[in-house]
Amino acid sequence: MQKKLKKLIIKICNNKKLINKFTKIKYIKKYLWLFIKFFQKKIKKIKLKKHLYYTGTGGDKKNTFNISTISSILLSFNSIPIIKIGSKKRTSKCGSLDIFNFLYKNYTFKNLKEKIKFYKKNKLAIFSINDFIKDPILKCINNKRKKKNTIFNYVFPLLKISNTNIQIIGVNNILMHNKIAKILIKQKIKRGAIISSFDNMDELSIFNNNFITEVYYGKIIKYKINSKNINIYENKKYFKKIQINNIFDSIKIFKDILFKKNIFAFKTLILNMGFIIYFLRIKKNIIKSIILIKRYFFNKKVINFYKNVIKNIKI
């Protein structure tokens, strides 16, 4: 079975008609669990527990700033341990690893052990799937991901790289929620959330409604978060205020968030961070979670750190 799947994956990478087939929801749903099992056998899990595993499918083509990455960094500064799977830019203008490497440029990681050591000290790690799977087939897949949103955008965020049972995954297609929820249960995730906006973002949006599917100890619960109901809504004409063209745009938006110069990016970030606080049941509802974020999470420790990082950069 493994050999047959490997042959199929190689065929997908080298055949234009086949790669187009595996961008369609019908075929993604049919083969997703098989592909996950194939790659899961190639992964050696790290022995880490009690952290939030925060992933996303990417490929929403919205060119927004790195919402989930910056949320993860700020939450880790406030003692919430987060592990993220990311990459350099492939399906976006700026990848998670681009931002992380820029902001933490004083750190160099020679191997996986050094990244784990950093995580234990800083409550944060952004791993690449390449850290866990050493197989030439990945190069083939990643080259295709630069051009198209395929089944592989769903496979890698759903692989278990650690022993945690808490995961949030951002998905840009609401039609995939049920399938992913069932896979999270198969992967023994006790607390999971699949998030999408009606803007087709794989994060929560202040410009539209948001759809959530939670996995709660084997049960699947669905609900919406309406940005108007929580007094955080903004008109869609301002969407361009959270869009970027390169890493420097993303860093500039981050700077503007810290000093509250870009209210649209600030609101987007506190909505996504607030949801995480609510999901972890630190607060009982999303409004109280957002209030907590506003009051305590943009503290002097965070601002001083990033002042030092970006002080010599003209942005």
Protein backbone atom coordinates (compact mmCIF):
# COMPACT_ATOMS: atom_id res chain seq x y z
CA MET A 1 0.00 0.00 0.00
CA GLN A 2 2.83 2.41 0.91
CA LYS A 3 4.58 1.77 -2.42
CA LYS A 4 1.36 2.33 -4.37
CA LEU A 5 0.69 5.60 -2.55
CA LYS A 6 4.26 6.80 -3.14
CA LYS A 7 3.89 6.09 -6.87
CA LEU A 8 0.58 7.98 -6.91
CA ILE A 9 2.11 10.99 -5.12
CA ILE A 10 5.01 11.11 -7.60
CA LYS A 11 2.53 10.87 -10.47
CA ILE A 12 0.51 13.75 -9.01
CA CYS A 13 3.65 15.90 -8.86
CA ASN A 14 4.62 15.17 -12.47
CA ASN A 15 1.27 15.17 -14.22
CA LYS A 16 -0.60 18.46 -14.81
CA LYS A 17 -3.99 16.79 -15.25
CA LEU A 18 -3.53 14.75 -12.09
CA ILE A 19 -2.40 17.73 -9.99
CA ASN A 20 -5.49 19.63 -11.18
CA LYS A 21 -7.64 16.67 -10.13
CA PHE A 22 -6.21 16.84 -6.61
CA THR A 23 -7.15 20.49 -6.20
CA LYS A 24 -10.82 19.47 -6.25
CA ILE A 25 -12.62 18.93 -2.94
CA LYS A 26 -14.12 15.62 -4.13
CA TYR A 27 -10.69 14.00 -4.57
CA ILE A 28 -9.11 15.74 -1.57
CA LYS A 29 -11.78 14.25 0.69
CA LYS A 30 -11.42 10.81 -0.88
CA TYR A 31 -7.63 10.52 -0.50
CA LEU A 32 -6.79 12.83 2.42
CA TRP A 33 -6.76 10.24 5.21
CA LEU A 34 -4.77 7.78 3.08
CA PHE A 35 -2.12 10.42 2.37
CA ILE A 36 -1.97 11.43 6.05
CA LYS A 37 -1.38 7.81 7.08
CA PHE A 38 1.35 7.51 4.42
CA PHE A 39 3.30 10.53 5.68
CA GLN A 40 2.57 9.87 9.36
CA LYS A 41 4.59 6.66 9.12
CA LYS A 42 7.57 8.72 7.95
CA ILE A 43 7.47 11.05 10.96
CA LYS A 44 9.30 10.54 14.22
CA LYS A 45 7.25 12.43 16.79
CA ILE A 46 8.91 14.74 19.31
CA LYS A 47 8.24 14.08 23.00
CA LEU A 48 6.44 17.29 23.87
CA LYS A 49 3.04 17.62 25.55
CA LYS A 50 0.75 20.33 26.91
CA HIS A 51 1.03 22.84 24.09
CA LEU A 52 -1.31 24.20 21.43
CA TYR A 53 -0.52 22.84 17.98
CA TYR A 54 -1.47 25.71 15.64
CA THR A 55 -1.51 24.99 11.91
CA GLY A 56 -3.09 26.22 8.69
CA THR A 57 -3.66 25.06 5.13
CA GLY A 58 -2.47 28.33 3.59
CA GLY A 59 -3.21 29.03 -0.04
CA ASP A 60 -6.13 31.42 0.54
CA LYS A 61 -4.47 33.94 -1.86
CA LYS A 62 -5.62 36.87 0.31
CA ASN A 63 -2.06 38.19 0.86
CA THR A 64 -2.77 39.13 4.48
CA PHE A 65 -0.02 39.74 7.02
CA ASN A 66 1.10 36.71 9.04
CA ILE A 67 -1.83 36.63 11.43
CA SER A 68 -1.36 33.17 12.97
CA THR A 69 2.42 33.54 13.28
CA ILE A 70 2.28 36.92 15.02
CA SER A 71 -0.56 35.66 17.24
CA SER A 72 1.62 32.68 18.22
CA ILE A 73 4.60 34.90 19.05
CA LEU A 74 2.57 37.25 21.25
CA LEU A 75 0.80 34.41 23.04
CA SER A 76 4.11 32.67 23.74
CA PHE A 77 5.40 35.88 25.32
CA ASN A 78 2.50 35.54 27.74
CA SER A 79 3.33 31.95 28.75
CA ILE A 80 0.99 30.12 26.37
CA PRO A 81 3.09 27.34 24.75
CA ILE A 82 2.56 27.07 21.00
CA ILE A 83 4.04 24.88 18.28
CA LYS A 84 3.38 25.77 14.67
CA ILE A 85 4.15 24.12 11.35
CA GLY A 86 5.21 26.72 8.82
CA SER A 87 7.34 27.30 5.77
CA LYS A 88 9.05 29.99 3.79
CA LYS A 89 6.82 31.73 1.28
CA ARG A 90 5.16 29.26 -1.05
CA THR A 91 1.44 29.93 -1.10
CA SER A 92 1.68 33.48 0.31
CA LYS A 93 3.75 36.66 0.06
CA CYS A 94 5.53 35.92 3.34
CA GLY A 95 5.77 32.59 5.17
CA SER A 96 5.76 31.78 8.89
CA LEU A 97 9.45 30.86 8.83
CA ASP A 98 10.31 34.11 7.02
CA ILE A 99 8.79 36.12 9.86
CA PHE A 100 10.23 33.93 12.59
CA ASN A 101 13.74 33.96 11.12
CA PHE A 102 13.57 37.74 10.71
CA LEU A 103 12.39 38.50 14.24
CA TYR A 104 14.63 35.92 15.88
CA LYS A 105 17.63 36.47 13.62
CA ASN A 106 20.04 36.30 16.57
CA TYR A 107 19.21 32.59 16.82
CA THR A 108 20.52 29.93 14.48
CA PHE A 109 19.15 26.42 14.54
CA LYS A 110 21.41 23.69 13.21
CA ASN A 111 18.98 20.89 13.90
CA LEU A 112 15.66 19.87 15.42
CA LYS A 113 17.14 19.49 18.92
CA GLU A 114 18.12 23.16 18.97
CA LYS A 115 14.59 24.21 17.97
CA ILE A 116 13.16 22.07 20.77
CA LYS A 117 15.59 23.65 23.23
CA PHE A 118 14.43 27.10 22.08
CA TYR A 119 10.80 26.03 22.52
CA LYS A 120 11.37 24.84 26.08
CA LYS A 121 12.85 28.23 26.98
CA ASN A 122 10.53 30.51 24.98
CA LYS A 123 7.24 28.55 24.76
CA LEU A 124 7.36 28.85 20.97
CA ALA A 125 8.51 26.79 17.99
CA ILE A 126 7.84 27.12 14.30
CA PHE A 127 8.88 23.90 12.65
CA SER A 128 9.08 23.01 8.98
CA ILE A 129 7.72 19.68 7.79
CA ASN A 130 11.27 19.13 6.49
CA ASP A 131 12.40 18.92 10.14
CA PHE A 132 10.44 15.68 10.45
CA ILE A 133 10.45 14.04 7.03
CA LYS A 134 13.68 13.61 5.10
CA ASP A 135 12.38 12.38 1.76
CA PRO A 136 13.07 13.71 -1.79
CA ILE A 137 9.34 13.44 -2.46
CA LEU A 138 8.83 16.57 -0.32
CA LYS A 139 10.81 18.74 -2.75
CA CYS A 140 8.52 17.66 -5.53
CA ILE A 141 5.42 18.45 -3.42
CA ASN A 142 6.68 21.84 -2.23
CA ASN A 143 7.43 22.93 -5.80
CA LYS A 144 3.82 22.21 -6.72
CA ARG A 145 2.51 24.02 -3.64
CA LYS A 146 4.08 27.23 -4.91
CA LYS A 147 1.64 27.20 -7.81
CA LYS A 148 -1.54 25.45 -6.63
CA ASN A 149 -3.63 24.79 -3.54
CA THR A 150 -3.65 20.97 -3.52
CA ILE A 151 -4.38 18.03 -1.23
CA PHE A 152 -0.92 18.53 0.32
CA ASN A 153 -2.03 21.86 1.81
CA TYR A 154 -4.35 19.76 3.98
CA VAL A 155 -2.07 16.78 4.60
CA PHE A 156 0.88 18.45 6.34
CA PRO A 157 -1.09 20.54 8.90
CA LEU A 158 -2.91 17.36 9.97
CA LEU A 159 0.18 15.27 10.67
CA LYS A 160 0.93 14.68 14.36
CA ILE A 161 4.46 15.80 15.17
CA SER A 162 4.14 15.65 18.97
CA ASN A 163 2.10 14.09 21.77
CA THR A 164 -0.24 17.03 22.26
CA ASN A 165 -4.00 16.53 21.95
CA ILE A 166 -4.93 20.20 21.42
CA GLN A 167 -4.95 21.67 17.91
CA ILE A 168 -6.29 24.63 15.93
CA ILE A 169 -6.20 24.44 12.15
CA GLY A 170 -7.05 27.30 9.81
CA VAL A 171 -8.81 26.20 6.60
CA ASN A 172 -9.81 28.39 3.66
CA ASN A 173 -12.68 26.14 2.54
CA ILE A 174 -15.65 25.62 4.85
CA LEU A 175 -16.66 22.49 2.88
CA MET A 176 -13.63 20.71 4.40
CA HIS A 177 -14.65 21.23 8.05
CA ASN A 178 -16.51 17.93 8.58
CA LYS A 179 -13.80 15.82 6.97
CA ILE A 180 -11.03 17.49 8.97
CA ALA A 181 -12.99 17.21 12.23
CA LYS A 182 -13.30 13.43 11.71
CA ILE A 183 -9.57 13.20 10.97
CA LEU A 184 -8.71 15.12 14.16
CA ILE A 185 -10.74 12.54 16.10
CA LYS A 186 -8.86 9.71 14.34
CA GLN A 187 -5.60 11.47 15.25
CA LYS A 188 -6.70 11.37 18.93
CA ILE A 189 -7.06 15.13 19.24
CA LYS A 190 -9.27 15.70 22.30
CA ARG A 191 -9.69 19.44 21.81
CA GLY A 192 -9.58 20.72 18.24
CA ALA A 193 -10.88 23.68 16.26
CA ILE A 194 -11.18 24.23 12.53
CA ILE A 195 -11.52 27.92 11.70
CA SER A 196 -12.55 29.72 8.48
CA SER A 197 -13.94 33.09 7.56
CA PHE A 198 -16.63 33.77 4.97
CA ASP A 199 -13.93 35.81 3.19
CA ASN A 200 -12.34 32.39 2.44
CA MET A 201 -9.46 33.18 4.78
CA ASP A 202 -7.86 30.45 6.88
CA GLU A 203 -8.03 32.79 9.86
CA LEU A 204 -10.82 34.73 11.55
CA SER A 205 -11.92 37.95 9.85
CA ILE A 206 -13.22 41.27 11.19
CA PHE A 207 -14.73 41.95 7.75
CA ASN A 208 -17.17 39.04 7.68
CA ASN A 209 -18.71 36.15 9.61
CA ASN A 210 -16.52 33.27 10.78
CA PHE A 211 -17.30 29.57 10.94
CA ILE A 212 -15.88 27.28 13.63
CA THR A 213 -16.02 23.51 13.98
CA GLU A 214 -14.82 22.27 17.35
CA VAL A 215 -13.84 18.75 18.31
CA TYR A 216 -14.55 18.24 22.00
CA TYR A 217 -13.65 14.79 23.32
CA GLY A 218 -15.08 13.00 20.29
CA LYS A 219 -18.03 15.33 19.74
CA ILE A 220 -18.27 17.77 16.81
CA ILE A 221 -19.70 21.22 17.63
CA LYS A 222 -20.33 23.96 15.05
CA TYR A 223 -20.91 27.69 15.56
CA LYS A 224 -20.31 31.11 14.04
CA ILE A 225 -18.50 34.18 15.32
CA ASN A 226 -20.10 37.34 13.93
CA SER A 227 -17.66 40.25 14.09
CA LYS A 228 -20.60 42.70 14.32
CA ASN A 229 -21.95 41.00 17.45
CA ILE A 230 -18.65 41.50 19.27
CA ASN A 231 -18.16 45.12 18.13
CA ILE A 232 -15.06 44.42 16.07
CA TYR A 233 -16.51 44.60 12.54
CA GLU A 234 -14.94 46.73 9.80
CA ASN A 235 -16.09 47.42 6.24
CA LYS A 236 -14.59 45.21 3.51
CA LYS A 237 -13.23 48.27 1.67
CA TYR A 238 -10.49 48.41 4.32
CA PHE A 239 -9.33 44.83 3.69
CA LYS A 240 -6.29 46.16 1.83
CA LYS A 241 -5.06 47.59 5.15
CA ILE A 242 -4.10 44.08 6.27
CA GLN A 243 -2.59 42.97 2.96
CA ILE A 244 1.12 42.74 2.17
CA ASN A 245 3.49 42.33 -0.78
CA ASN A 246 6.60 41.13 1.07
CA ILE A 247 8.13 40.43 4.47
CA PHE A 248 8.87 44.11 5.14
CA ASP A 249 5.19 44.98 4.74
CA SER A 250 4.36 42.28 7.30
CA ILE A 251 6.97 43.61 9.74
CA LYS A 252 5.66 47.15 9.27
CA ILE A 253 2.11 46.00 10.04
CA PHE A 254 3.43 44.23 13.13
CA LYS A 255 5.11 47.44 14.27
CA ASP A 256 1.91 49.40 13.60
CA ILE A 257 -0.09 46.85 15.62
CA LEU A 258 2.19 47.22 18.65
CA PHE A 259 1.79 51.00 18.58
CA LYS A 260 -1.87 50.87 17.47
CA LYS A 261 -1.29 52.75 14.21
CA ASN A 262 -3.17 50.20 12.06
CA ILE A 263 -6.53 49.62 13.75
CA PHE A 264 -7.65 47.07 11.12
CA ALA A 265 -4.61 44.83 11.63
CA PHE A 266 -4.85 45.34 15.41
CA LYS A 267 -8.50 44.22 15.48
CA THR A 268 -7.73 41.24 13.22
CA LEU A 269 -4.95 40.12 15.54
CA ILE A 270 -6.90 40.50 18.80
CA LEU A 271 -9.85 38.60 17.29
CA ASN A 272 -7.62 35.64 16.39
CA MET A 273 -5.72 35.76 19.69
CA GLY A 274 -8.98 36.19 21.57
CA PHE A 275 -10.40 33.08 19.96
CA ILE A 276 -7.38 31.06 21.13
CA ILE A 277 -7.87 32.32 24.69
CA TYR A 278 -11.54 31.33 24.49
CA PHE A 279 -10.77 27.97 22.87
CA LEU A 280 -8.32 27.15 25.68
CA ARG A 281 -11.13 28.09 28.12
CA ILE A 282 -8.99 30.72 29.83
CA LYS A 283 -12.07 32.95 29.49
CA LYS A 284 -15.72 31.94 29.14
CA ASN A 285 -16.52 33.89 25.97
CA ILE A 286 -14.85 35.60 23.04
CA ILE A 287 -15.61 39.17 24.22
CA LYS A 288 -13.94 38.63 27.61
CA SER A 289 -11.02 36.98 25.82
CA ILE A 290 -10.52 40.01 23.56
CA ILE A 291 -10.64 42.34 26.59
CA LEU A 292 -7.96 40.24 28.26
CA ILE A 293 -5.77 40.44 25.14
CA LYS A 294 -6.15 44.24 24.93
CA ARG A 295 -5.32 44.79 28.59
CA TYR A 296 -2.40 42.47 29.19
CA PHE A 297 -0.92 40.92 26.03
CA PHE A 298 0.67 44.02 24.47
CA ASN A 299 2.94 44.58 27.43
CA LYS A 300 6.30 46.34 27.85
CA LYS A 301 8.19 43.06 27.55
CA VAL A 302 6.80 42.47 24.06
CA ILE A 303 7.17 46.07 22.87
CA ASN A 304 10.76 46.40 24.14
CA PHE A 305 11.76 43.14 22.48
CA TYR A 306 10.45 44.20 19.08
CA LYS A 307 11.81 47.72 19.44
CA ASN A 308 15.24 46.13 19.69
CA VAL A 309 14.58 43.86 16.73
CA ILE A 310 13.34 46.51 14.33
CA LYS A 311 15.09 49.68 15.58
CA ASN A 312 17.73 49.61 12.81
CA ILE A 313 15.32 48.78 10.01
CA LYS A 314 13.71 51.46 7.89
CA ILE A 315 10.08 50.45 7.51
